PDB file of N, CA and C in Angstrom:
ATOM      1  N   UNK A   1     175.023 170.454 -77.789  1.00  0.00           N
ATOM      2  CA  UNK A   1     174.448 170.504 -76.462  1.00  0.00           C
ATOM      3  C   UNK A   1     172.953 170.728 -76.580  1.00  0.00           C
ATOM      4  N   UNK A   2     172.213 170.061 -75.711  1.00  0.00           N
ATOM      5  CA  UNK A   2     170.763 170.127 -75.796  1.00  0.00           C
ATOM      6  C   UNK A   2     170.112 170.845 -74.610  1.00  0.00           C
ATOM      7  N   UNK A   3     170.871 171.536 -73.797  1.00  0.00           N
ATOM      8  CA  UNK A   3     170.314 172.254 -72.659  1.00  0.00           C
ATOM      9  C   UNK A   3     170.359 171.472 -71.360  1.00  0.00           C
ATOM     10  N   UNK A   4     170.617 170.169 -71.445  1.00  0.00           N
ATOM     11  CA  UNK A   4     170.720 169.365 -70.225  1.00  0.00           C
ATOM     12  C   UNK A   4     172.152 168.924 -69.952  1.00  0.00           C
ATOM     13  N   UNK A   5     173.066 169.257 -70.862  1.00  0.00           N
ATOM     14  CA  UNK A   5     174.462 168.884 -70.678  1.00  0.00           C
ATOM     15  C   UNK A   5     175.102 169.736 -69.588  1.00  0.00           C
ATOM     16  N   UNK A   6     176.017 169.135 -68.857  1.00  0.00           N
ATOM     17  CA  UNK A   6     176.763 169.850 -67.824  1.00  0.00           C
ATOM     18  C   UNK A   6     178.216 169.890 -68.246  1.00  0.00           C
ATOM     19  N   UNK A   7     178.787 171.063 -68.225  1.00  0.00           N
ATOM     20  CA  UNK A   7     180.188 171.227 -68.595  1.00  0.00           C
ATOM     21  C   UNK A   7     180.995 171.445 -67.325  1.00  0.00           C
ATOM     22  N   UNK A   8     182.046 170.650 -67.162  1.00  0.00           N
ATOM     23  CA  UNK A   8     182.930 170.789 -66.009  1.00  0.00           C
ATOM     24  C   UNK A   8     184.320 171.088 -66.525  1.00  0.00           C
ATOM     25  N   UNK A   9     184.925 172.143 -66.029  1.00  0.00           N
ATOM     26  CA  UNK A   9     186.268 172.510 -66.431  1.00  0.00           C
ATOM     27  C   UNK A   9     187.229 172.217 -65.294  1.00  0.00           C
ATOM     28  N   UNK A  10     188.205 171.368 -65.556  1.00  0.00           N
ATOM     29  CA  UNK A  10     189.283 171.106 -64.605  1.00  0.00           C
ATOM     30  C   UNK A  10     190.574 171.423 -65.339  1.00  0.00           C
ATOM     31  N   UNK A  11     191.338 172.421 -64.855  1.00  0.00           N
ATOM     32  CA  UNK A  11     192.542 172.850 -65.560  1.00  0.00           C
ATOM     33  C   UNK A  11     193.512 171.715 -65.853  1.00  0.00           C
ATOM     34  N   UNK A  12     193.828 170.899 -64.875  1.00  0.00           N
ATOM     35  CA  UNK A  12     194.642 169.708 -65.086  1.00  0.00           C
ATOM     36  C   UNK A  12     194.466 168.803 -63.875  1.00  0.00           C
ATOM     37  N   UNK A  13     194.803 167.552 -64.040  1.00  0.00           N
ATOM     38  CA  UNK A  13     194.545 166.569 -62.986  1.00  0.00           C
ATOM     39  C   UNK A  13     195.298 166.885 -61.700  1.00  0.00           C
ATOM     40  N   UNK A  14     196.520 167.396 -61.794  1.00  0.00           N
ATOM     41  CA  UNK A  14     197.282 167.667 -60.573  1.00  0.00           C
ATOM     42  C   UNK A  14     196.631 168.781 -59.755  1.00  0.00           C
ATOM     43  N   UNK A  15     196.069 169.783 -60.425  1.00  0.00           N
ATOM     44  CA  UNK A  15     195.373 170.857 -59.713  1.00  0.00           C
ATOM     45  C   UNK A  15     194.115 170.319 -59.051  1.00  0.00           C
ATOM     46  N   UNK A  16     193.370 169.478 -59.755  1.00  0.00           N
ATOM     47  CA  UNK A  16     192.137 168.924 -59.188  1.00  0.00           C
ATOM     48  C   UNK A  16     192.446 168.110 -57.943  1.00  0.00           C
ATOM     49  N   UNK A  17     193.482 167.274 -57.987  1.00  0.00           N
ATOM     50  CA  UNK A  17     193.823 166.467 -56.816  1.00  0.00           C
ATOM     51  C   UNK A  17     194.278 167.356 -55.665  1.00  0.00           C
ATOM     52  N   UNK A  18     195.105 168.330 -55.978  1.00  0.00           N
ATOM     53  CA  UNK A  18     195.623 169.223 -54.939  1.00  0.00           C
ATOM     54  C   UNK A  18     194.476 169.972 -54.257  1.00  0.00           C
ATOM     55  N   UNK A  19     193.447 170.338 -55.005  1.00  0.00           N
ATOM     56  CA  UNK A  19     192.336 171.094 -54.438  1.00  0.00           C
ATOM     57  C   UNK A  19     191.411 170.253 -53.567  1.00  0.00           C
ATOM     58  N   UNK A  20     191.409 168.940 -53.719  1.00  0.00           N
ATOM     59  CA  UNK A  20     190.527 168.118 -52.892  1.00  0.00           C
ATOM     60  C   UNK A  20     191.278 167.279 -51.871  1.00  0.00           C
ATOM     61  N   UNK A  21     192.595 167.224 -51.942  1.00  0.00           N
ATOM     62  CA  UNK A  21     193.331 166.345 -51.041  1.00  0.00           C
ATOM     63  C   UNK A  21     193.133 166.721 -49.581  1.00  0.00           C
ATOM     64  N   UNK A  22     192.963 168.006 -49.279  1.00  0.00           N
ATOM     65  CA  UNK A  22     192.751 168.418 -47.889  1.00  0.00           C
ATOM     66  C   UNK A  22     191.394 167.958 -47.373  1.00  0.00           C
ATOM     67  N   UNK A  23     190.460 167.690 -48.274  1.00  0.00           N
ATOM     68  CA  UNK A  23     189.148 167.192 -47.874  1.00  0.00           C
ATOM     69  C   UNK A  23     189.211 165.683 -47.653  1.00  0.00           C
ATOM     70  N   UNK A  24     189.974 164.980 -48.475  1.00  0.00           N
ATOM     71  CA  UNK A  24     190.037 163.528 -48.384  1.00  0.00           C
ATOM     72  C   UNK A  24     190.811 163.042 -47.171  1.00  0.00           C
ATOM     73  N   UNK A  25     191.851 163.744 -46.763  1.00  0.00           N
ATOM     74  CA  UNK A  25     192.687 163.285 -45.649  1.00  0.00           C
ATOM     75  C   UNK A  25     191.880 163.038 -44.384  1.00  0.00           C
ATOM     76  N   UNK A  26     191.054 163.984 -43.924  1.00  0.00           N
ATOM     77  CA  UNK A  26     190.283 163.705 -42.714  1.00  0.00           C
ATOM     78  C   UNK A  26     189.299 162.556 -42.889  1.00  0.00           C
ATOM     79  N   UNK A  27     188.683 162.453 -44.059  1.00  0.00           N
ATOM     80  CA  UNK A  27     187.696 161.402 -44.293  1.00  0.00           C
ATOM     81  C   UNK A  27     188.355 160.030 -44.256  1.00  0.00           C
ATOM     82  N   UNK A  28     189.517 159.897 -44.881  1.00  0.00           N
ATOM     83  CA  UNK A  28     190.186 158.612 -44.952  1.00  0.00           C
ATOM     84  C   UNK A  28     190.742 158.170 -43.610  1.00  0.00           C
ATOM     85  N   UNK A  29     191.094 159.108 -42.740  1.00  0.00           N
ATOM     86  CA  UNK A  29     191.745 158.740 -41.489  1.00  0.00           C
ATOM     87  C   UNK A  29     190.782 158.513 -40.333  1.00  0.00           C
ATOM     88  N   UNK A  30     189.504 158.826 -40.479  1.00  0.00           N
ATOM     89  CA  UNK A  30     188.581 158.737 -39.352  1.00  0.00           C
ATOM     90  C   UNK A  30     188.233 157.312 -38.962  1.00  0.00           C
ATOM     91  N   UNK A  31     188.303 156.369 -39.872  1.00  0.00           N
ATOM     92  CA  UNK A  31     187.867 155.009 -39.582  1.00  0.00           C
ATOM     93  C   UNK A  31     188.719 154.334 -38.517  1.00  0.00           C
ATOM     94  N   UNK A  32     189.988 154.676 -38.420  1.00  0.00           N
ATOM     95  CA  UNK A  32     190.891 154.019 -37.478  1.00  0.00           C
ATOM     96  C   UNK A  32     190.921 154.690 -36.106  1.00  0.00           C
ATOM     97  N   UNK A  33     190.262 155.810 -35.942  1.00  0.00           N
ATOM     98  CA  UNK A  33     190.311 156.517 -34.663  1.00  0.00           C
ATOM     99  C   UNK A  33     189.681 155.693 -33.554  1.00  0.00           C
ATOM    100  N   UNK A  34     190.326 155.725 -32.395  1.00  0.00           N
ATOM    101  CA  UNK A  34     189.804 155.029 -31.226  1.00  0.00           C
ATOM    102  C   UNK A  34     189.293 156.041 -30.218  1.00  0.00           C
ATOM    103  N   UNK A  35     188.295 155.647 -29.467  1.00  0.00           N
ATOM    104  CA  UNK A  35     187.762 156.514 -28.430  1.00  0.00           C
ATOM    105  C   UNK A  35     188.855 156.808 -27.407  1.00  0.00           C
ATOM    106  N   UNK A  36     188.882 158.045 -26.922  1.00  0.00           N
ATOM    107  CA  UNK A  36     189.875 158.468 -25.942  1.00  0.00           C
ATOM    108  C   UNK A  36     191.072 159.200 -26.527  1.00  0.00           C
ATOM    109  N   UNK A  37     191.199 159.249 -27.873  1.00  0.00           N
ATOM    110  CA  UNK A  37     192.344 159.931 -28.485  1.00  0.00           C
ATOM    111  C   UNK A  37     192.073 161.427 -28.622  1.00  0.00           C
ATOM    112  N   UNK A  38     193.166 162.209 -28.649  1.00  0.00           N
ATOM    113  CA  UNK A  38     193.055 163.648 -28.904  1.00  0.00           C
ATOM    114  C   UNK A  38     192.793 163.854 -30.379  1.00  0.00           C
ATOM    115  N   UNK A  39     191.898 164.797 -30.661  1.00  0.00           N
ATOM    116  CA  UNK A  39     191.497 165.048 -32.039  1.00  0.00           C
ATOM    117  C   UNK A  39     191.457 166.540 -32.337  1.00  0.00           C
ATOM    118  N   UNK A  40     191.552 166.852 -33.617  1.00  0.00           N
ATOM    119  CA  UNK A  40     191.326 168.209 -34.111  1.00  0.00           C
ATOM    120  C   UNK A  40     189.985 168.219 -34.818  1.00  0.00           C
ATOM    121  N   UNK A  41     189.259 169.319 -34.668  1.00  0.00           N
ATOM    122  CA  UNK A  41     187.936 169.464 -35.261  1.00  0.00           C
ATOM    123  C   UNK A  41     187.985 170.531 -36.345  1.00  0.00           C
ATOM    124  N   UNK A  42     187.549 170.168 -37.542  1.00  0.00           N
ATOM    125  CA  UNK A  42     187.559 171.070 -38.682  1.00  0.00           C
ATOM    126  C   UNK A  42     186.210 171.751 -38.860  1.00  0.00           C
ATOM    127  N   UNK A  43     186.245 172.902 -39.538  1.00  0.00           N
ATOM    128  CA  UNK A  43     184.999 173.579 -39.918  1.00  0.00           C
ATOM    129  C   UNK A  43     184.427 172.903 -41.161  1.00  0.00           C
ATOM    130  N   UNK A  44     183.321 173.439 -41.670  1.00  0.00           N
ATOM    131  CA  UNK A  44     182.685 172.884 -42.865  1.00  0.00           C
ATOM    132  C   UNK A  44     183.198 173.508 -44.154  1.00  0.00           C
ATOM    133  N   UNK A  45     184.086 174.471 -44.052  1.00  0.00           N
ATOM    134  CA  UNK A  45     184.544 175.207 -45.225  1.00  0.00           C
ATOM    135  C   UNK A  45     185.537 174.447 -46.074  1.00  0.00           C
ATOM    136  N   UNK A  46     185.852 175.057 -47.202  1.00  0.00           N
ATOM    137  CA  UNK A  46     186.899 174.555 -48.088  1.00  0.00           C
ATOM    138  C   UNK A  46     187.788 175.738 -48.420  1.00  0.00           C
ATOM    139  N   UNK A  47     189.056 175.712 -48.092  1.00  0.00           N
ATOM    140  CA  UNK A  47     189.741 174.582 -47.464  1.00  0.00           C
ATOM    141  C   UNK A  47     189.355 174.437 -45.997  1.00  0.00           C
ATOM    142  N   UNK A  48     189.538 173.238 -45.485  1.00  0.00           N
ATOM    143  CA  UNK A  48     189.222 172.947 -44.087  1.00  0.00           C
ATOM    144  C   UNK A  48     190.167 173.715 -43.172  1.00  0.00           C
ATOM    145  N   UNK A  49     189.626 174.149 -42.029  1.00  0.00           N
ATOM    146  CA  UNK A  49     190.416 174.876 -41.040  1.00  0.00           C
ATOM    147  C   UNK A  49     190.120 174.279 -39.668  1.00  0.00           C
ATOM    148  N   UNK A  50     191.167 174.040 -38.870  1.00  0.00           N
ATOM    149  CA  UNK A  50     190.972 173.535 -37.512  1.00  0.00           C
ATOM    150  C   UNK A  50     190.377 174.652 -36.667  1.00  0.00           C
ATOM    151  N   UNK A  51     189.239 174.363 -36.023  1.00  0.00           N
ATOM    152  CA  UNK A  51     188.569 175.365 -35.194  1.00  0.00           C
ATOM    153  C   UNK A  51     188.604 175.012 -33.714  1.00  0.00           C
ATOM    154  N   UNK A  52     188.910 173.745 -33.404  1.00  0.00           N
ATOM    155  CA  UNK A  52     188.948 173.327 -32.000  1.00  0.00           C
ATOM    156  C   UNK A  52     189.671 171.989 -31.881  1.00  0.00           C
ATOM    157  N   UNK A  53     189.975 171.634 -30.634  1.00  0.00           N
ATOM    158  CA  UNK A  53     190.556 170.330 -30.330  1.00  0.00           C
ATOM    159  C   UNK A  53     189.813 169.735 -29.153  1.00  0.00           C
ATOM    160  N   UNK A  54     189.914 168.428 -29.031  1.00  0.00           N
ATOM    161  CA  UNK A  54     189.235 167.775 -27.924  1.00  0.00           C
ATOM    162  C   UNK A  54     189.587 166.309 -27.841  1.00  0.00           C
ATOM    163  N   UNK A  55     188.704 165.547 -27.211  1.00  0.00           N
ATOM    164  CA  UNK A  55     188.893 164.116 -27.015  1.00  0.00           C
ATOM    165  C   UNK A  55     187.684 163.391 -27.601  1.00  0.00           C
ATOM    166  N   UNK A  56     187.958 162.363 -28.398  1.00  0.00           N
ATOM    167  CA  UNK A  56     186.884 161.549 -28.958  1.00  0.00           C
ATOM    168  C   UNK A  56     186.309 160.671 -27.849  1.00  0.00           C
ATOM    169  N   UNK A  57     185.046 160.853 -27.542  1.00  0.00           N
ATOM    170  CA  UNK A  57     184.391 160.119 -26.463  1.00  0.00           C
ATOM    171  C   UNK A  57     183.655 158.889 -26.987  1.00  0.00           C
ATOM    172  N   UNK A  58     182.889 159.042 -28.065  1.00  0.00           N
ATOM    173  CA  UNK A  58     182.117 157.907 -28.577  1.00  0.00           C
ATOM    174  C   UNK A  58     181.860 158.044 -30.075  1.00  0.00           C
ATOM    175  N   UNK A  59     181.937 156.879 -30.761  1.00  0.00           N
ATOM    176  CA  UNK A  59     181.585 156.808 -32.173  1.00  0.00           C
ATOM    177  C   UNK A  59     180.268 156.054 -32.366  1.00  0.00           C
ATOM    178  N   UNK A  60     179.639 155.683 -31.277  1.00  0.00           N
ATOM    179  CA  UNK A  60     178.396 154.912 -31.306  1.00  0.00           C
ATOM    180  C   UNK A  60     177.236 155.793 -31.774  1.00  0.00           C
ATOM    181  N   UNK A  61     176.609 155.470 -32.907  1.00  0.00           N
ATOM    182  CA  UNK A  61     175.508 156.297 -33.414  1.00  0.00           C
ATOM    183  C   UNK A  61     174.291 156.336 -32.487  1.00  0.00           C
ATOM    184  N   UNK A  62     174.205 155.374 -31.560  1.00  0.00           N
ATOM    185  CA  UNK A  62     173.082 155.347 -30.616  1.00  0.00           C
ATOM    186  C   UNK A  62     173.349 156.186 -29.368  1.00  0.00           C
ATOM    187  N   UNK A  63     174.608 156.584 -29.165  1.00  0.00           N
ATOM    188  CA  UNK A  63     174.956 157.443 -28.020  1.00  0.00           C
ATOM    189  C   UNK A  63     174.118 158.713 -28.092  1.00  0.00           C
ATOM    190  N   UNK A  64     173.678 159.203 -26.944  1.00  0.00           N
ATOM    191  CA  UNK A  64     172.808 160.383 -26.937  1.00  0.00           C
ATOM    192  C   UNK A  64     173.508 161.599 -26.344  1.00  0.00           C
ATOM    193  N   UNK A  65     173.141 162.742 -26.878  1.00  0.00           N
ATOM    194  CA  UNK A  65     173.542 164.031 -26.335  1.00  0.00           C
ATOM    195  C   UNK A  65     172.277 164.891 -26.388  1.00  0.00           C
ATOM    196  N   UNK A  66     171.988 165.577 -25.330  1.00  0.00           N
ATOM    197  CA  UNK A  66     170.730 166.319 -25.147  1.00  0.00           C
ATOM    198  C   UNK A  66     169.510 165.494 -25.581  1.00  0.00           C
ATOM    199  N   UNK A  67     169.534 164.222 -25.192  1.00  0.00           N
ATOM    200  CA  UNK A  67     168.440 163.277 -25.450  1.00  0.00           C
ATOM    201  C   UNK A  67     168.206 162.957 -26.921  1.00  0.00           C
ATOM    202  N   UNK A  68     169.167 163.266 -27.784  1.00  0.00           N
ATOM    203  CA  UNK A  68     169.077 162.920 -29.204  1.00  0.00           C
ATOM    204  C   UNK A  68     170.237 161.996 -29.562  1.00  0.00           C
ATOM    205  N   UNK A  69     169.985 160.928 -30.331  1.00  0.00           N
ATOM    206  CA  UNK A  69     171.086 160.057 -30.743  1.00  0.00           C
ATOM    207  C   UNK A  69     172.026 160.789 -31.701  1.00  0.00           C
ATOM    208  N   UNK A  70     173.314 160.437 -31.620  1.00  0.00           N
ATOM    209  CA  UNK A  70     174.304 161.056 -32.506  1.00  0.00           C
ATOM    210  C   UNK A  70     173.996 160.782 -33.972  1.00  0.00           C
ATOM    211  N   UNK A  71     173.516 159.588 -34.258  1.00  0.00           N
ATOM    212  CA  UNK A  71     173.264 159.202 -35.640  1.00  0.00           C
ATOM    213  C   UNK A  71     174.552 158.751 -36.310  1.00  0.00           C
ATOM    214  N   UNK A  72     174.477 158.330 -37.558  1.00  0.00           N
ATOM    215  CA  UNK A  72     175.639 157.761 -38.240  1.00  0.00           C
ATOM    216  C   UNK A  72     176.686 158.780 -38.675  1.00  0.00           C
ATOM    217  N   UNK A  73     176.360 160.063 -38.666  1.00  0.00           N
ATOM    218  CA  UNK A  73     177.278 161.069 -39.203  1.00  0.00           C
ATOM    219  C   UNK A  73     178.049 161.860 -38.154  1.00  0.00           C
ATOM    220  N   UNK A  74     177.735 161.675 -36.867  1.00  0.00           N
ATOM    221  CA  UNK A  74     178.360 162.474 -35.811  1.00  0.00           C
ATOM    222  C   UNK A  74     179.038 161.606 -34.771  1.00  0.00           C
ATOM    223  N   UNK A  75     180.040 162.190 -34.111  1.00  0.00           N
ATOM    224  CA  UNK A  75     180.706 161.549 -32.986  1.00  0.00           C
ATOM    225  C   UNK A  75     180.586 162.453 -31.778  1.00  0.00           C
ATOM    226  N   UNK A  76     180.619 161.841 -30.593  1.00  0.00           N
ATOM    227  CA  UNK A  76     180.580 162.589 -29.347  1.00  0.00           C
ATOM    228  C   UNK A  76     181.999 162.989 -28.980  1.00  0.00           C
ATOM    229  N   UNK A  77     182.193 164.285 -28.764  1.00  0.00           N
ATOM    230  CA  UNK A  77     183.518 164.852 -28.516  1.00  0.00           C
ATOM    231  C   UNK A  77     183.465 165.719 -27.267  1.00  0.00           C
ATOM    232  N   UNK A  78     184.526 165.634 -26.450  1.00  0.00           N
ATOM    233  CA  UNK A  78     184.681 166.600 -25.364  1.00  0.00           C
ATOM    234  C   UNK A  78     185.593 167.686 -25.911  1.00  0.00           C
ATOM    235  N   UNK A  79     185.052 168.876 -26.089  1.00  0.00           N
ATOM    236  CA  UNK A  79     185.772 169.996 -26.696  1.00  0.00           C
ATOM    237  C   UNK A  79     186.485 170.775 -25.586  1.00  0.00           C
ATOM    238  N   UNK A  80     187.823 170.798 -25.620  1.00  0.00           N
ATOM    239  CA  UNK A  80     188.546 171.441 -24.526  1.00  0.00           C
ATOM    240  C   UNK A  80     189.539 172.520 -24.946  1.00  0.00           C
ATOM    241  N   UNK A  81     189.662 172.757 -26.236  1.00  0.00           N
ATOM    242  CA  UNK A  81     190.595 173.789 -26.692  1.00  0.00           C
ATOM    243  C   UNK A  81     190.065 174.421 -27.978  1.00  0.00           C
ATOM    244  N   UNK A  82     190.064 175.734 -28.020  1.00  0.00           N
ATOM    245  CA  UNK A  82     189.544 176.449 -29.194  1.00  0.00           C
ATOM    246  C   UNK A  82     190.671 177.119 -29.961  1.00  0.00           C
ATOM    247  N   UNK A  83     190.588 177.059 -31.270  1.00  0.00           N
ATOM    248  CA  UNK A  83     191.506 177.822 -32.113  1.00  0.00           C
ATOM    249  C   UNK A  83     190.757 178.914 -32.863  1.00  0.00           C
ATOM    250  N   UNK A  84     189.432 178.825 -32.875  1.00  0.00           N
ATOM    251  CA  UNK A  84     188.587 179.826 -33.526  1.00  0.00           C
ATOM    252  C   UNK A  84     187.330 180.019 -32.674  1.00  0.00           C
ATOM    253  N   UNK A  85     187.432 180.876 -31.670  1.00  0.00           N
ATOM    254  CA  UNK A  85     186.363 181.052 -30.680  1.00  0.00           C
ATOM    255  C   UNK A  85     185.020 181.443 -31.277  1.00  0.00           C
ATOM    256  N   UNK A  86     185.023 182.198 -32.365  1.00  0.00           N
ATOM    257  CA  UNK A  86     183.773 182.711 -32.930  1.00  0.00           C
ATOM    258  C   UNK A  86     183.133 181.813 -33.984  1.00  0.00           C
ATOM    259  N   UNK A  87     183.758 180.669 -34.287  1.00  0.00           N
ATOM    260  CA  UNK A  87     183.169 179.765 -35.276  1.00  0.00           C
ATOM    261  C   UNK A  87     181.833 179.247 -34.745  1.00  0.00           C
ATOM    262  N   UNK A  88     180.797 179.345 -35.557  1.00  0.00           N
ATOM    263  CA  UNK A  88     179.458 178.883 -35.179  1.00  0.00           C
ATOM    264  C   UNK A  88     179.198 177.533 -35.842  1.00  0.00           C
ATOM    265  N   UNK A  89     178.813 176.557 -35.040  1.00  0.00           N
ATOM    266  CA  UNK A  89     178.475 175.245 -35.586  1.00  0.00           C
ATOM    267  C   UNK A  89     177.102 174.824 -35.088  1.00  0.00           C
ATOM    268  N   UNK A  90     176.493 173.923 -35.840  1.00  0.00           N
ATOM    269  CA  UNK A  90     175.174 173.401 -35.458  1.00  0.00           C
ATOM    270  C   UNK A  90     175.348 171.995 -34.937  1.00  0.00           C
ATOM    271  N   UNK A  91     174.847 171.756 -33.760  1.00  0.00           N
ATOM    272  CA  UNK A  91     174.843 170.401 -33.227  1.00  0.00           C
ATOM    273  C   UNK A  91     173.705 169.622 -33.852  1.00  0.00           C
ATOM    274  N   UNK A  92     173.423 168.460 -33.307  1.00  0.00           N
ATOM    275  CA  UNK A  92     172.351 167.641 -33.868  1.00  0.00           C
ATOM    276  C   UNK A  92     170.979 168.230 -33.614  1.00  0.00           C
ATOM    277  N   UNK A  93     170.899 169.204 -32.713  1.00  0.00           N
ATOM    278  CA  UNK A  93     169.607 169.852 -32.457  1.00  0.00           C
ATOM    279  C   UNK A  93     169.392 171.064 -33.360  1.00  0.00           C
ATOM    280  N   UNK A  94     170.364 171.341 -34.251  1.00  0.00           N
ATOM    281  CA  UNK A  94     170.284 172.413 -35.247  1.00  0.00           C
ATOM    282  C   UNK A  94     170.408 173.825 -34.682  1.00  0.00           C
ATOM    283  N   UNK A  95     170.644 173.976 -33.386  1.00  0.00           N
ATOM    284  CA  UNK A  95     170.869 175.308 -32.824  1.00  0.00           C
ATOM    285  C   UNK A  95     172.342 175.653 -32.973  1.00  0.00           C
ATOM    286  N   UNK A  96     172.644 176.790 -33.571  1.00  0.00           N
ATOM    287  CA  UNK A  96     174.022 177.200 -33.747  1.00  0.00           C
ATOM    288  C   UNK A  96     174.593 177.799 -32.469  1.00  0.00           C
ATOM    289  N   UNK A  97     175.800 177.333 -32.101  1.00  0.00           N
ATOM    290  CA  UNK A  97     176.519 177.923 -30.970  1.00  0.00           C
ATOM    291  C   UNK A  97     177.962 178.144 -31.382  1.00  0.00           C
ATOM    292  N   UNK A  98     178.659 178.986 -30.651  1.00  0.00           N
ATOM    293  CA  UNK A  98     180.061 179.244 -30.967  1.00  0.00           C
ATOM    294  C   UNK A  98     180.948 178.238 -30.242  1.00  0.00           C
ATOM    295  N   UNK A  99     182.159 178.111 -30.754  1.00  0.00           N
ATOM    296  CA  UNK A  99     183.153 177.264 -30.095  1.00  0.00           C
ATOM    297  C   UNK A  99     183.373 177.758 -28.667  1.00  0.00           C
ATOM    298  N   UNK A 100     183.403 179.074 -28.476  1.00  0.00           N
ATOM    299  CA  UNK A 100     183.605 179.640 -27.137  1.00  0.00           C
ATOM    300  C   UNK A 100     182.543 179.137 -26.163  1.00  0.00           C
ATOM    301  N   UNK A 101     181.305 179.013 -26.616  1.00  0.00           N
ATOM    302  CA  UNK A 101     180.219 178.528 -25.760  1.00  0.00           C
ATOM    303  C   UNK A 101     180.338 177.033 -25.474  1.00  0.00           C
ATOM    304  N   UNK A 102     181.016 176.310 -26.350  1.00  0.00           N
ATOM    305  CA  UNK A 102     181.096 174.853 -26.229  1.00  0.00           C
ATOM    306  C   UNK A 102     182.326 174.364 -25.467  1.00  0.00           C
ATOM    307  N   UNK A 103     183.267 175.244 -25.161  1.00  0.00           N
ATOM    308  CA  UNK A 103     184.490 174.838 -24.460  1.00  0.00           C
ATOM    309  C   UNK A 103     184.135 174.115 -23.163  1.00  0.00           C
ATOM    310  N   UNK A 104     184.862 173.020 -22.908  1.00  0.00           N
ATOM    311  CA  UNK A 104     184.678 172.180 -21.715  1.00  0.00           C
ATOM    312  C   UNK A 104     183.285 171.564 -21.633  1.00  0.00           C
ATOM    313  N   UNK A 105     182.742 171.245 -22.806  1.00  0.00           N
ATOM    314  CA  UNK A 105     181.445 170.575 -22.893  1.00  0.00           C
ATOM    315  C   UNK A 105     181.514 169.447 -23.915  1.00  0.00           C
ATOM    316  N   UNK A 106     180.528 168.572 -23.848  1.00  0.00           N
ATOM    317  CA  UNK A 106     180.382 167.513 -24.834  1.00  0.00           C
ATOM    318  C   UNK A 106     179.573 168.050 -26.004  1.00  0.00           C
ATOM    319  N   UNK A 107     180.027 167.743 -27.225  1.00  0.00           N
ATOM    320  CA  UNK A 107     179.327 168.190 -28.424  1.00  0.00           C
ATOM    321  C   UNK A 107     179.263 167.041 -29.432  1.00  0.00           C
ATOM    322  N   UNK A 108     178.289 167.113 -30.319  1.00  0.00           N
ATOM    323  CA  UNK A 108     178.225 166.206 -31.462  1.00  0.00           C
ATOM    324  C   UNK A 108     178.949 166.901 -32.607  1.00  0.00           C
ATOM    325  N   UNK A 109     179.932 166.214 -33.218  1.00  0.00           N
ATOM    326  CA  UNK A 109     180.704 166.819 -34.303  1.00  0.00           C
ATOM    327  C   UNK A 109     180.670 165.883 -35.501  1.00  0.00           C
ATOM    328  N   UNK A 110     180.503 166.426 -36.716  1.00  0.00           N
ATOM    329  CA  UNK A 110     180.489 165.569 -37.911  1.00  0.00           C
ATOM    330  C   UNK A 110     181.794 164.780 -38.027  1.00  0.00           C
ATOM    331  N   UNK A 111     181.685 163.474 -38.155  1.00  0.00           N
ATOM    332  CA  UNK A 111     182.884 162.631 -38.169  1.00  0.00           C
ATOM    333  C   UNK A 111     183.795 162.908 -39.363  1.00  0.00           C
ATOM    334  N   UNK A 112     183.263 163.448 -40.450  1.00  0.00           N
ATOM    335  CA  UNK A 112     184.116 163.775 -41.594  1.00  0.00           C
ATOM    336  C   UNK A 112     184.994 164.991 -41.314  1.00  0.00           C
ATOM    337  N   UNK A 113     184.712 165.695 -40.228  1.00  0.00           N
ATOM    338  CA  UNK A 113     185.496 166.880 -39.864  1.00  0.00           C
ATOM    339  C   UNK A 113     186.339 166.642 -38.619  1.00  0.00           C
ATOM    340  N   UNK A 114     186.757 165.389 -38.422  1.00  0.00           N
ATOM    341  CA  UNK A 114     187.567 165.013 -37.265  1.00  0.00           C
ATOM    342  C   UNK A 114     188.825 164.308 -37.750  1.00  0.00           C
ATOM    343  N   UNK A 115     189.968 164.637 -37.140  1.00  0.00           N
ATOM    344  CA  UNK A 115     191.219 163.942 -37.441  1.00  0.00           C
ATOM    345  C   UNK A 115     192.023 163.828 -36.154  1.00  0.00           C
ATOM    346  N   UNK A 116     192.774 162.738 -36.031  1.00  0.00           N
ATOM    347  CA  UNK A 116     193.594 162.530 -34.839  1.00  0.00           C
ATOM    348  C   UNK A 116     194.765 163.501 -34.831  1.00  0.00           C
ATOM    349  N   UNK A 117     195.086 164.012 -33.638  1.00  0.00           N
ATOM    350  CA  UNK A 117     196.254 164.913 -33.502  1.00  0.00           C
ATOM    351  C   UNK A 117     197.532 164.133 -33.663  1.00  0.00           C
TER     352      UNK A 117
END
C-alpha cells in the first residue's frame, strides 16, 4: 500500500445486498409512479423510515413551489399524513421545517425518497 489505497471490507455478498436493498427499492420504483397516486415519503437516513404520506402532484422539474423550480431531484407532493411529526426536512429553499408544520401543504420532496403505497 502506498498511502492512496482504499480498503473496503464487506463481510459477504449476501450481507452487502441485504444492507442496501432497502435503499434500492424506492429508487427503482419511482420511475413508474403517476401523478395523483398515494405515496409514502422516506427520511434521508439509513435504514430508510417512512415519515409521512401524501399524494404525488407533479414530477415536472419546471413546476414551482415558493417561486423556485423543483429541479430534477424533487417532486411536488401534497403531504396529508404524518408518521413522524418531529422529522425535520429541508425543502428546495433549504429552510428546515418539521413534518407537523408541513401537514396539509404542498412540499418539494426528493424523488429518491418516494414510493407508491
